[in-house]
Amino acid sequence: MLWIALAPLMLLVSGCSRSTPGHPALSGATSESTRVSPLPASTPTSPRTALSPTQLLELLPSPTALPEVKDAPPPSTGRQVFGDGNEIFRASREFRFRNGGYLVVQVSDYASAPTHLQKEAQLIRTPGKDYESQLLEFLSPPDGFGYVLWDPISRNGRLRALRAGRFLFEAEGGDLPPQIAWSRLLDYFPPIRAGEVSQPSP
């Protein structure tokens, strides 16, 4: 009679050990459809695994982190697939300030697109001005490098920084409140967790 009682459990264990047909991520296949599918937010990440768009939202400033914020629409997420099959995930959000200014921030994870990461790194190292009166300042965060390019009169500008050897941080805005310095804009972004930092800079 004991084997009759254990039969349902044996069937359950047997069912769990079989691979799931038609699901390459569970069966060990590496088809193109697997590489372009967004990762679930609960998927454990490694230094070479791209974060999902939902996870990237955690690397953006919250509406309460910046001063003078009047409105902050819901953030957006997405991904980009390059011609070579590599892809990046990104997340972005906008802040609108009481003085009428605005700021759009975005973070992209290039962990799965190293060739494109190198191109972005070169562009960040050699920026150019849009016009002569702009101020160009290079940034040296502990885990990367970047620059801000901004106009001291209109306080319009943009930021681009590569951090942890994989994350591209971008910001663009106009009429930024004087309480927010373009050169200190990265200070408003949350710190990157240690588990996301171990991939070397290009």
N, C-alpha and C. Protein backbone atom coordinates (compact mmCIF):
# COMPACT_ATOMS: atom_id res chain seq x y z
N MET A 1 0.82 -1.21 0.00
CA MET A 1 0.00 0.00 0.00
C MET A 1 0.86 1.26 0.00
N LEU A 2 2.12 1.11 0.49
CA LEU A 2 3.00 2.29 0.54
C LEU A 2 3.29 2.84 -0.84
N TRP A 3 3.49 1.91 -1.82
CA TRP A 3 3.80 2.42 -3.16
C TRP A 3 2.61 3.15 -3.77
N ILE A 4 1.41 2.80 -3.37
CA ILE A 4 0.23 3.51 -3.88
C ILE A 4 0.20 4.93 -3.34
N ALA A 5 0.58 5.10 -2.06
CA ALA A 5 0.58 6.44 -1.47
C ALA A 5 1.66 7.31 -2.06
N LEU A 6 2.77 6.70 -2.46
CA LEU A 6 3.89 7.48 -3.00
C LEU A 6 3.77 7.73 -4.49
N ALA A 7 2.85 7.08 -5.14
CA ALA A 7 2.75 7.20 -6.60
C ALA A 7 2.56 8.63 -7.07
N PRO A 8 1.66 9.44 -6.45
CA PRO A 8 1.51 10.84 -6.93
C PRO A 8 2.80 11.64 -6.79
N LEU A 9 3.55 11.42 -5.71
CA LEU A 9 4.79 12.16 -5.53
C LEU A 9 5.81 11.77 -6.56
N MET A 10 5.90 10.46 -6.90
CA MET A 10 6.85 10.00 -7.91
C MET A 10 6.51 10.59 -9.26
N LEU A 11 5.22 10.68 -9.57
CA LEU A 11 4.82 11.29 -10.84
C LEU A 11 5.19 12.75 -10.88
N LEU A 12 5.05 13.47 -9.75
CA LEU A 12 5.39 14.89 -9.69
C LEU A 12 6.86 15.11 -9.91
N VAL A 13 7.72 14.30 -9.24
CA VAL A 13 9.16 14.42 -9.41
C VAL A 13 9.57 14.11 -10.83
N SER A 14 8.97 13.07 -11.40
CA SER A 14 9.28 12.70 -12.78
C SER A 14 8.91 13.81 -13.73
N GLY A 15 7.77 14.46 -13.50
CA GLY A 15 7.34 15.55 -14.38
C GLY A 15 8.25 16.74 -14.28
N CYS A 16 8.79 17.04 -13.09
CA CYS A 16 9.66 18.19 -12.93
C CYS A 16 11.00 17.98 -13.58
N SER A 17 11.45 16.71 -13.73
CA SER A 17 12.78 16.46 -14.27
C SER A 17 12.82 16.54 -15.77
N ARG A 18 11.67 16.50 -16.43
CA ARG A 18 11.66 16.58 -17.89
C ARG A 18 11.85 18.01 -18.34
N SER A 19 12.56 18.21 -19.46
CA SER A 19 12.71 19.55 -20.02
C SER A 19 11.41 19.99 -20.64
N THR A 20 11.19 21.29 -20.65
CA THR A 20 9.95 21.84 -21.19
C THR A 20 10.08 22.00 -22.69
N PRO A 21 9.28 21.31 -23.50
CA PRO A 21 9.40 21.43 -24.95
C PRO A 21 9.04 22.82 -25.42
N GLY A 22 9.77 23.26 -26.44
CA GLY A 22 9.46 24.56 -27.04
C GLY A 22 9.94 25.74 -26.23
N HIS A 23 10.72 25.54 -25.18
CA HIS A 23 11.22 26.64 -24.35
C HIS A 23 12.74 26.53 -24.27
N PRO A 24 13.47 27.12 -25.25
CA PRO A 24 14.92 26.94 -25.32
C PRO A 24 15.64 27.39 -24.07
N ALA A 25 15.10 28.35 -23.33
CA ALA A 25 15.80 28.82 -22.14
C ALA A 25 15.85 27.74 -21.08
N LEU A 26 14.84 26.87 -21.02
CA LEU A 26 14.81 25.81 -20.02
C LEU A 26 15.49 24.55 -20.51
N SER A 27 15.51 24.34 -21.84
CA SER A 27 16.10 23.12 -22.38
C SER A 27 17.58 23.27 -22.70
N GLY A 28 18.13 24.50 -22.54
CA GLY A 28 19.55 24.72 -22.77
C GLY A 28 19.88 25.21 -24.16
N ALA A 29 18.91 25.40 -25.04
CA ALA A 29 19.18 25.90 -26.38
C ALA A 29 19.48 27.38 -26.33
N THR A 30 20.10 27.88 -27.40
CA THR A 30 20.46 29.30 -27.47
C THR A 30 19.99 29.88 -28.78
N SER A 31 18.71 29.75 -29.07
CA SER A 31 18.17 30.27 -30.32
C SER A 31 18.09 31.78 -30.27
N GLU A 32 17.92 32.39 -31.44
CA GLU A 32 17.83 33.85 -31.53
C GLU A 32 16.64 34.37 -30.74
N SER A 33 15.52 33.59 -30.73
CA SER A 33 14.34 34.06 -30.01
C SER A 33 14.62 34.17 -28.53
N THR A 34 15.50 33.33 -28.00
CA THR A 34 15.83 33.42 -26.59
C THR A 34 16.61 34.68 -26.30
N ARG A 35 17.54 35.03 -27.15
CA ARG A 35 18.41 36.17 -26.89
C ARG A 35 17.67 37.49 -26.97
N VAL A 36 16.59 37.56 -27.73
CA VAL A 36 15.90 38.83 -27.88
C VAL A 36 14.69 38.95 -26.96
N SER A 37 14.42 37.96 -26.14
CA SER A 37 13.29 38.04 -25.23
C SER A 37 13.70 38.77 -23.96
N PRO A 38 12.90 39.72 -23.46
CA PRO A 38 13.24 40.41 -22.21
C PRO A 38 13.34 39.43 -21.06
N LEU A 39 14.28 39.69 -20.15
CA LEU A 39 14.45 38.85 -18.99
C LEU A 39 13.40 39.17 -17.94
N PRO A 40 12.84 38.18 -17.27
CA PRO A 40 11.92 38.46 -16.17
C PRO A 40 12.63 39.23 -15.07
N ALA A 41 11.88 40.06 -14.37
CA ALA A 41 12.48 40.89 -13.33
C ALA A 41 13.09 40.05 -12.22
N SER A 42 12.61 38.82 -12.03
CA SER A 42 13.10 37.99 -10.94
C SER A 42 14.29 37.13 -11.33
N THR A 43 14.75 37.21 -12.60
CA THR A 43 15.85 36.37 -13.03
C THR A 43 17.14 36.79 -12.36
N PRO A 44 17.90 35.85 -11.73
CA PRO A 44 19.18 36.21 -11.14
C PRO A 44 20.13 36.71 -12.21
N THR A 45 20.92 37.71 -11.90
CA THR A 45 21.80 38.31 -12.88
C THR A 45 23.24 38.00 -12.53
N SER A 46 24.07 37.90 -13.57
CA SER A 46 25.51 37.75 -13.42
C SER A 46 26.15 38.95 -14.07
N PRO A 47 27.48 39.14 -13.90
CA PRO A 47 28.13 40.31 -14.50
C PRO A 47 27.99 40.37 -16.02
N ARG A 48 27.72 39.23 -16.69
CA ARG A 48 27.61 39.21 -18.14
C ARG A 48 26.17 39.04 -18.61
N THR A 49 25.23 39.09 -17.72
CA THR A 49 23.82 38.97 -18.07
C THR A 49 23.17 40.33 -17.99
N ALA A 50 22.52 40.74 -19.08
CA ALA A 50 21.88 42.05 -19.10
C ALA A 50 20.72 42.09 -18.12
N LEU A 51 20.61 43.21 -17.42
CA LEU A 51 19.46 43.40 -16.54
C LEU A 51 18.21 43.62 -17.38
N SER A 52 17.09 43.23 -16.85
CA SER A 52 15.83 43.48 -17.54
C SER A 52 15.49 44.96 -17.44
N PRO A 53 14.62 45.47 -18.32
CA PRO A 53 14.20 46.87 -18.20
C PRO A 53 13.64 47.21 -16.83
N THR A 54 12.89 46.28 -16.24
CA THR A 54 12.34 46.54 -14.92
C THR A 54 13.44 46.72 -13.88
N GLN A 55 14.48 45.92 -13.96
CA GLN A 55 15.60 46.05 -13.04
C GLN A 55 16.37 47.35 -13.28
N LEU A 56 16.45 47.77 -14.54
CA LEU A 56 17.16 49.01 -14.85
C LEU A 56 16.48 50.23 -14.25
N LEU A 57 15.17 50.16 -14.06
CA LEU A 57 14.46 51.28 -13.44
C LEU A 57 15.02 51.61 -12.07
N GLU A 58 15.58 50.61 -11.39
CA GLU A 58 16.13 50.83 -10.07
C GLU A 58 17.41 51.66 -10.10
N LEU A 59 18.01 51.83 -11.29
CA LEU A 59 19.23 52.62 -11.43
C LEU A 59 18.94 54.07 -11.80
N LEU A 60 17.67 54.43 -11.94
CA LEU A 60 17.29 55.81 -12.27
C LEU A 60 16.89 56.57 -11.01
N PRO A 61 17.05 57.89 -11.01
CA PRO A 61 16.62 58.68 -9.84
C PRO A 61 15.11 58.56 -9.63
N SER A 62 14.71 58.61 -8.39
CA SER A 62 13.28 58.65 -8.07
C SER A 62 12.81 60.10 -8.07
N PRO A 63 11.51 60.34 -8.20
CA PRO A 63 11.01 61.72 -8.19
C PRO A 63 11.36 62.49 -6.93
N THR A 64 11.57 61.79 -5.82
CA THR A 64 11.92 62.47 -4.57
C THR A 64 13.41 62.75 -4.43
N ALA A 65 14.22 62.21 -5.34
CA ALA A 65 15.67 62.41 -5.24
C ALA A 65 16.10 63.79 -5.73
N LEU A 66 15.34 64.35 -6.66
CA LEU A 66 15.69 65.64 -7.25
C LEU A 66 14.86 66.76 -6.62
N PRO A 67 15.46 67.93 -6.42
CA PRO A 67 14.68 69.06 -5.89
C PRO A 67 13.83 69.72 -6.97
N GLU A 68 12.80 70.41 -6.53
CA GLU A 68 11.96 71.23 -7.41
C GLU A 68 11.17 70.44 -8.44
N VAL A 69 10.95 69.15 -8.22
CA VAL A 69 10.17 68.35 -9.17
C VAL A 69 8.69 68.64 -8.99
N LYS A 70 8.04 69.00 -10.08
CA LYS A 70 6.60 69.26 -10.07
C LYS A 70 5.81 68.04 -10.51
N ASP A 71 6.34 67.34 -11.51
CA ASP A 71 5.61 66.21 -12.08
C ASP A 71 6.62 65.21 -12.63
N ALA A 72 6.28 63.94 -12.53
CA ALA A 72 7.13 62.87 -13.07
C ALA A 72 6.23 61.80 -13.68
N PRO A 73 6.04 61.84 -15.01
CA PRO A 73 5.21 60.82 -15.65
C PRO A 73 5.77 59.42 -15.40
N PRO A 74 4.96 58.40 -15.61
CA PRO A 74 5.44 57.03 -15.42
C PRO A 74 6.66 56.74 -16.29
N PRO A 75 7.62 55.97 -15.79
CA PRO A 75 8.81 55.65 -16.59
C PRO A 75 8.46 54.72 -17.74
N SER A 76 9.38 54.61 -18.68
CA SER A 76 9.20 53.72 -19.82
C SER A 76 10.40 52.79 -19.93
N THR A 77 10.19 51.63 -20.55
CA THR A 77 11.25 50.65 -20.74
C THR A 77 11.21 50.13 -22.16
N GLY A 78 12.31 49.52 -22.59
CA GLY A 78 12.35 48.96 -23.93
C GLY A 78 13.67 48.27 -24.19
N ARG A 79 13.86 47.87 -25.43
CA ARG A 79 15.11 47.24 -25.83
C ARG A 79 15.40 47.58 -27.28
N GLN A 80 16.65 47.40 -27.66
CA GLN A 80 17.08 47.66 -29.03
C GLN A 80 17.89 46.47 -29.51
N VAL A 81 17.55 45.93 -30.67
CA VAL A 81 18.27 44.82 -31.27
C VAL A 81 19.08 45.35 -32.45
N PHE A 82 20.39 45.12 -32.42
CA PHE A 82 21.27 45.58 -33.49
C PHE A 82 21.29 44.58 -34.64
N GLY A 83 21.86 45.01 -35.76
CA GLY A 83 21.91 44.15 -36.93
C GLY A 83 22.71 42.88 -36.73
N ASP A 84 23.68 42.90 -35.81
CA ASP A 84 24.48 41.71 -35.56
C ASP A 84 23.83 40.75 -34.57
N GLY A 85 22.61 41.06 -34.14
CA GLY A 85 21.91 40.19 -33.22
C GLY A 85 22.07 40.55 -31.77
N ASN A 86 23.05 41.40 -31.44
CA ASN A 86 23.21 41.85 -30.06
C ASN A 86 22.07 42.80 -29.69
N GLU A 87 21.80 42.89 -28.41
CA GLU A 87 20.70 43.73 -27.96
C GLU A 87 21.06 44.43 -26.67
N ILE A 88 20.37 45.53 -26.42
CA ILE A 88 20.50 46.24 -25.15
C ILE A 88 19.10 46.49 -24.60
N PHE A 89 19.03 46.55 -23.28
CA PHE A 89 17.79 46.93 -22.61
C PHE A 89 17.98 48.32 -22.02
N ARG A 90 16.88 49.07 -21.93
CA ARG A 90 16.99 50.43 -21.40
C ARG A 90 15.73 50.80 -20.63
N ALA A 91 15.91 51.80 -19.78
CA ALA A 91 14.80 52.36 -19.02
C ALA A 91 14.99 53.86 -18.97
N SER A 92 13.89 54.62 -18.98
CA SER A 92 13.99 56.07 -18.98
C SER A 92 12.80 56.67 -18.22
N ARG A 93 12.99 57.90 -17.78
CA ARG A 93 11.90 58.64 -17.16
C ARG A 93 12.15 60.13 -17.30
N GLU A 94 11.08 60.90 -17.15
CA GLU A 94 11.14 62.36 -17.31
C GLU A 94 10.74 63.04 -16.01
N PHE A 95 11.42 64.16 -15.74
CA PHE A 95 11.06 65.01 -14.60
C PHE A 95 10.71 66.40 -15.12
N ARG A 96 9.64 66.98 -14.60
CA ARG A 96 9.25 68.34 -14.95
C ARG A 96 9.33 69.18 -13.68
N PHE A 97 9.97 70.34 -13.81
CA PHE A 97 10.27 71.14 -12.63
C PHE A 97 9.31 72.32 -12.50
N ARG A 98 9.29 72.90 -11.31
CA ARG A 98 8.38 74.00 -11.02
C ARG A 98 8.69 75.24 -11.85
N ASN A 99 9.94 75.41 -12.27
CA ASN A 99 10.30 76.58 -13.06
C ASN A 99 10.01 76.41 -14.54
N GLY A 100 9.42 75.28 -14.93
CA GLY A 100 9.13 75.01 -16.33
C GLY A 100 10.18 74.18 -17.03
N GLY A 101 11.29 73.91 -16.36
CA GLY A 101 12.34 73.09 -16.96
C GLY A 101 11.99 71.61 -16.95
N TYR A 102 12.83 70.84 -17.60
CA TYR A 102 12.58 69.40 -17.68
C TYR A 102 13.92 68.66 -17.72
N LEU A 103 13.86 67.38 -17.42
CA LEU A 103 15.04 66.52 -17.49
C LEU A 103 14.58 65.11 -17.83
N VAL A 104 15.19 64.52 -18.85
CA VAL A 104 14.93 63.14 -19.23
C VAL A 104 16.19 62.33 -18.94
N VAL A 105 16.06 61.27 -18.17
CA VAL A 105 17.20 60.42 -17.82
C VAL A 105 16.96 59.02 -18.38
N GLN A 106 18.06 58.37 -18.74
CA GLN A 106 17.96 57.03 -19.33
C GLN A 106 19.19 56.22 -18.97
N VAL A 107 19.00 54.92 -18.76
CA VAL A 107 20.12 54.01 -18.55
C VAL A 107 19.93 52.81 -19.47
N SER A 108 21.03 52.40 -20.12
CA SER A 108 21.02 51.25 -21.03
C SER A 108 22.09 50.27 -20.57
N ASP A 109 21.80 48.98 -20.66
CA ASP A 109 22.73 47.94 -20.25
C ASP A 109 23.34 47.30 -21.49
N TYR A 110 24.66 47.48 -21.68
CA TYR A 110 25.37 46.96 -22.84
C TYR A 110 26.11 45.66 -22.52
N ALA A 111 25.74 44.96 -21.47
CA ALA A 111 26.45 43.74 -21.09
C ALA A 111 26.45 42.70 -22.20
N SER A 112 25.39 42.68 -23.01
CA SER A 112 25.28 41.69 -24.09
C SER A 112 25.70 42.24 -25.44
N ALA A 113 26.24 43.45 -25.47
CA ALA A 113 26.64 44.08 -26.74
C ALA A 113 28.00 44.75 -26.58
N PRO A 114 29.08 43.98 -26.34
CA PRO A 114 30.39 44.58 -26.06
C PRO A 114 30.96 45.41 -27.19
N THR A 115 30.71 45.02 -28.44
CA THR A 115 31.23 45.80 -29.57
C THR A 115 30.61 47.19 -29.60
N HIS A 116 29.34 47.27 -29.40
CA HIS A 116 28.65 48.55 -29.39
C HIS A 116 29.02 49.36 -28.15
N LEU A 117 29.33 48.68 -27.06
CA LEU A 117 29.78 49.36 -25.86
C LEU A 117 31.09 50.09 -26.11
N GLN A 118 32.01 49.46 -26.83
CA GLN A 118 33.29 50.10 -27.15
C GLN A 118 33.09 51.35 -28.00
N LYS A 119 32.14 51.31 -28.91
CA LYS A 119 31.86 52.49 -29.74
C LYS A 119 31.33 53.63 -28.88
N GLU A 120 30.43 53.31 -27.97
CA GLU A 120 29.90 54.34 -27.08
C GLU A 120 31.00 54.91 -26.20
N ALA A 121 31.90 54.06 -25.72
CA ALA A 121 32.99 54.52 -24.87
C ALA A 121 33.88 55.51 -25.61
N GLN A 122 34.15 55.24 -26.88
CA GLN A 122 34.98 56.14 -27.67
C GLN A 122 34.30 57.49 -27.88
N LEU A 123 32.99 57.48 -28.10
CA LEU A 123 32.26 58.73 -28.28
C LEU A 123 32.26 59.56 -27.00
N ILE A 124 32.18 58.89 -25.86
CA ILE A 124 32.18 59.60 -24.59
C ILE A 124 33.56 60.20 -24.30
N ARG A 125 34.60 59.51 -24.71
CA ARG A 125 35.96 60.01 -24.46
C ARG A 125 36.31 61.20 -25.35
N THR A 126 35.64 61.33 -26.49
CA THR A 126 35.99 62.40 -27.44
C THR A 126 34.74 63.19 -27.83
N PRO A 127 34.09 63.85 -26.89
CA PRO A 127 32.89 64.62 -27.22
C PRO A 127 33.25 65.93 -27.91
N GLY A 128 32.27 66.52 -28.55
CA GLY A 128 32.45 67.83 -29.17
C GLY A 128 31.32 68.76 -28.78
N LYS A 129 31.59 70.05 -28.84
CA LYS A 129 30.57 71.05 -28.51
C LYS A 129 29.62 71.26 -29.68
N ASP A 130 28.37 71.60 -29.34
CA ASP A 130 27.40 71.98 -30.37
C ASP A 130 27.62 73.42 -30.81
N TYR A 131 28.06 74.27 -29.87
CA TYR A 131 28.41 75.66 -30.18
C TYR A 131 29.41 76.14 -29.13
N GLU A 132 30.11 77.21 -29.43
CA GLU A 132 31.29 77.61 -28.66
C GLU A 132 31.00 77.97 -27.21
N SER A 133 29.85 78.57 -26.94
CA SER A 133 29.59 79.04 -25.58
C SER A 133 29.20 77.92 -24.61
N GLN A 134 29.03 76.71 -25.11
CA GLN A 134 28.73 75.60 -24.22
C GLN A 134 29.93 75.27 -23.33
N LEU A 135 29.64 74.77 -22.14
CA LEU A 135 30.68 74.32 -21.23
C LEU A 135 30.77 72.80 -21.29
N LEU A 136 31.98 72.30 -21.48
CA LEU A 136 32.23 70.86 -21.52
C LEU A 136 33.01 70.47 -20.28
N GLU A 137 32.44 69.59 -19.47
CA GLU A 137 33.09 69.14 -18.25
C GLU A 137 33.15 67.62 -18.25
N PHE A 138 34.35 67.08 -18.00
CA PHE A 138 34.50 65.63 -17.93
C PHE A 138 34.23 65.16 -16.50
N LEU A 139 33.61 63.99 -16.41
CA LEU A 139 33.23 63.42 -15.13
C LEU A 139 34.08 62.19 -14.84
N SER A 140 34.39 61.98 -13.58
CA SER A 140 35.20 60.83 -13.17
C SER A 140 34.56 60.12 -11.98
N PRO A 141 33.41 59.49 -12.18
CA PRO A 141 32.84 58.70 -11.07
C PRO A 141 33.76 57.54 -10.74
N PRO A 142 33.68 56.99 -9.54
CA PRO A 142 34.59 55.91 -9.14
C PRO A 142 34.54 54.69 -10.05
N ASP A 143 33.40 54.46 -10.69
CA ASP A 143 33.23 53.24 -11.48
C ASP A 143 33.12 53.51 -12.97
N GLY A 144 33.62 54.66 -13.44
CA GLY A 144 33.52 54.92 -14.87
C GLY A 144 34.01 56.29 -15.28
N PHE A 145 33.44 56.82 -16.35
CA PHE A 145 33.83 58.12 -16.88
C PHE A 145 32.69 58.68 -17.71
N GLY A 146 32.71 59.99 -17.95
CA GLY A 146 31.65 60.61 -18.73
C GLY A 146 31.88 62.09 -18.92
N TYR A 147 30.85 62.79 -19.35
CA TYR A 147 30.95 64.24 -19.54
C TYR A 147 29.56 64.86 -19.46
N VAL A 148 29.55 66.16 -19.21
CA VAL A 148 28.34 66.96 -19.34
C VAL A 148 28.66 68.12 -20.27
N LEU A 149 27.70 68.47 -21.09
CA LEU A 149 27.82 69.58 -22.02
C LEU A 149 26.59 70.46 -21.80
N TRP A 150 26.81 71.70 -21.34
CA TRP A 150 25.66 72.51 -20.98
C TRP A 150 25.90 73.99 -21.22
N ASP A 151 24.80 74.74 -21.29
CA ASP A 151 24.84 76.18 -21.53
C ASP A 151 24.58 76.89 -20.20
N PRO A 152 25.51 77.72 -19.73
CA PRO A 152 25.33 78.37 -18.44
C PRO A 152 24.21 79.41 -18.41
N ILE A 153 23.75 79.88 -19.55
CA ILE A 153 22.68 80.87 -19.59
C ILE A 153 21.31 80.19 -19.61
N SER A 154 21.09 79.33 -20.58
CA SER A 154 19.80 78.64 -20.69
C SER A 154 19.69 77.44 -19.75
N ARG A 155 20.83 76.97 -19.26
CA ARG A 155 20.91 75.77 -18.43
C ARG A 155 20.35 74.54 -19.14
N ASN A 156 20.42 74.58 -20.48
CA ASN A 156 20.14 73.39 -21.27
C ASN A 156 21.41 72.55 -21.33
N GLY A 157 21.27 71.25 -21.41
CA GLY A 157 22.47 70.43 -21.50
C GLY A 157 22.17 68.96 -21.63
N ARG A 158 23.25 68.19 -21.62
CA ARG A 158 23.12 66.74 -21.67
C ARG A 158 24.29 66.09 -20.94
N LEU A 159 24.07 64.89 -20.52
CA LEU A 159 25.06 64.08 -19.81
C LEU A 159 25.17 62.73 -20.49
N ARG A 160 26.41 62.22 -20.57
CA ARG A 160 26.63 60.84 -21.02
C ARG A 160 27.75 60.26 -20.18
N ALA A 161 27.53 59.11 -19.61
CA ALA A 161 28.54 58.49 -18.75
C ALA A 161 28.44 56.97 -18.85
N LEU A 162 29.60 56.34 -18.85
CA LEU A 162 29.68 54.88 -18.87
C LEU A 162 30.16 54.43 -17.50
N ARG A 163 29.39 53.54 -16.87
CA ARG A 163 29.71 53.11 -15.51
C ARG A 163 29.69 51.59 -15.42
N ALA A 164 30.55 51.08 -14.55
CA ALA A 164 30.64 49.64 -14.27
C ALA A 164 30.95 48.83 -15.52
N GLY A 165 31.51 49.47 -16.53
CA GLY A 165 31.90 48.77 -17.74
C GLY A 165 30.76 48.23 -18.57
N ARG A 166 29.52 48.71 -18.31
CA ARG A 166 28.38 48.16 -19.05
C ARG A 166 27.18 49.09 -19.13
N PHE A 167 27.01 50.00 -18.18
CA PHE A 167 25.81 50.83 -18.13
C PHE A 167 26.08 52.21 -18.73
N LEU A 168 25.28 52.58 -19.73
CA LEU A 168 25.35 53.91 -20.33
C LEU A 168 24.26 54.77 -19.71
N PHE A 169 24.68 55.81 -18.99
CA PHE A 169 23.75 56.76 -18.38
C PHE A 169 23.67 58.00 -19.26
N GLU A 170 22.46 58.44 -19.55
CA GLU A 170 22.25 59.62 -20.39
C GLU A 170 21.20 60.52 -19.74
N ALA A 171 21.37 61.80 -19.95
CA ALA A 171 20.38 62.77 -19.47
C ALA A 171 20.38 63.95 -20.43
N GLU A 172 19.21 64.49 -20.66
CA GLU A 172 19.07 65.68 -21.50
C GLU A 172 17.96 66.53 -20.91
N GLY A 173 18.20 67.84 -20.84
CA GLY A 173 17.20 68.69 -20.24
C GLY A 173 17.35 70.14 -20.64
N GLY A 174 16.39 70.93 -20.19
CA GLY A 174 16.39 72.36 -20.47
C GLY A 174 15.92 73.15 -19.27
N ASP A 175 16.51 74.32 -19.09
CA ASP A 175 16.15 75.22 -17.99
C ASP A 175 16.20 74.49 -16.65
N LEU A 176 17.28 73.76 -16.44
CA LEU A 176 17.43 73.00 -15.21
C LEU A 176 17.45 73.95 -14.01
N PRO A 177 16.72 73.65 -12.94
CA PRO A 177 16.73 74.54 -11.76
C PRO A 177 18.15 74.76 -11.25
N PRO A 178 18.45 75.95 -10.75
CA PRO A 178 19.81 76.24 -10.27
C PRO A 178 20.24 75.35 -9.12
N GLN A 179 19.30 74.74 -8.41
CA GLN A 179 19.66 73.84 -7.32
C GLN A 179 20.32 72.56 -7.82
N ILE A 180 20.18 72.28 -9.12
CA ILE A 180 20.74 71.06 -9.70
C ILE A 180 21.90 71.44 -10.61
N ALA A 181 23.09 71.07 -10.24
CA ALA A 181 24.27 71.35 -11.06
C ALA A 181 24.45 70.23 -12.08
N TRP A 182 24.66 70.60 -13.33
CA TRP A 182 24.88 69.60 -14.36
C TRP A 182 26.07 68.71 -14.02
N SER A 183 27.11 69.29 -13.48
CA SER A 183 28.32 68.52 -13.19
C SER A 183 28.14 67.54 -12.04
N ARG A 184 27.06 67.70 -11.25
CA ARG A 184 26.79 66.80 -10.12
C ARG A 184 25.54 65.95 -10.35
N LEU A 185 25.11 65.89 -11.59
CA LEU A 185 23.85 65.19 -11.88
C LEU A 185 23.92 63.70 -11.53
N LEU A 186 25.09 63.09 -11.73
CA LEU A 186 25.21 61.67 -11.42
C LEU A 186 24.98 61.37 -9.94
N ASP A 187 25.16 62.37 -9.10
CA ASP A 187 24.97 62.16 -7.66
C ASP A 187 23.52 61.79 -7.32
N TYR A 188 22.59 62.13 -8.20
CA TYR A 188 21.19 61.85 -7.94
C TYR A 188 20.78 60.43 -8.36
N PHE A 189 21.68 59.73 -9.05
CA PHE A 189 21.39 58.35 -9.45
C PHE A 189 21.73 57.41 -8.31
N PRO A 190 20.95 56.35 -8.12
CA PRO A 190 21.27 55.38 -7.06
C PRO A 190 22.61 54.71 -7.32
N PRO A 191 23.30 54.26 -6.28
CA PRO A 191 24.56 53.53 -6.48
C PRO A 191 24.31 52.19 -7.17
N ILE A 192 25.29 51.74 -7.92
CA ILE A 192 25.20 50.45 -8.60
C ILE A 192 25.64 49.37 -7.62
N ARG A 193 24.85 48.32 -7.52
CA ARG A 193 25.17 47.25 -6.58
C ARG A 193 26.43 46.51 -7.00
N ALA A 194 27.14 45.96 -6.03
CA ALA A 194 28.43 45.33 -6.28
C ALA A 194 28.33 44.20 -7.29
N GLY A 195 27.25 43.46 -7.29
CA GLY A 195 27.10 42.35 -8.22
C GLY A 195 26.97 42.76 -9.66
N GLU A 196 26.78 44.05 -9.93
CA GLU A 196 26.61 44.54 -11.30
C GLU A 196 27.85 45.27 -11.79
N VAL A 197 28.95 45.23 -11.02
CA VAL A 197 30.09 46.09 -11.30
C VAL A 197 31.32 45.34 -11.77
N SER A 198 31.29 44.01 -11.82
CA SER A 198 32.52 43.27 -11.99
C SER A 198 32.99 43.12 -13.43
N GLN A 199 32.27 43.65 -14.40
CA GLN A 199 32.73 43.60 -15.78
C GLN A 199 33.64 44.80 -16.04
N PRO A 200 34.87 44.62 -16.53
CA PRO A 200 35.81 45.73 -16.66
C PRO A 200 35.40 46.72 -17.72
N SER A 201 35.84 47.94 -17.57
CA SER A 201 35.58 48.98 -18.56
C SER A 201 36.32 48.67 -19.84
N PRO A 202 35.75 49.03 -21.02
CA PRO A 202 36.41 48.74 -22.30
C PRO A 202 37.62 49.62 -22.49
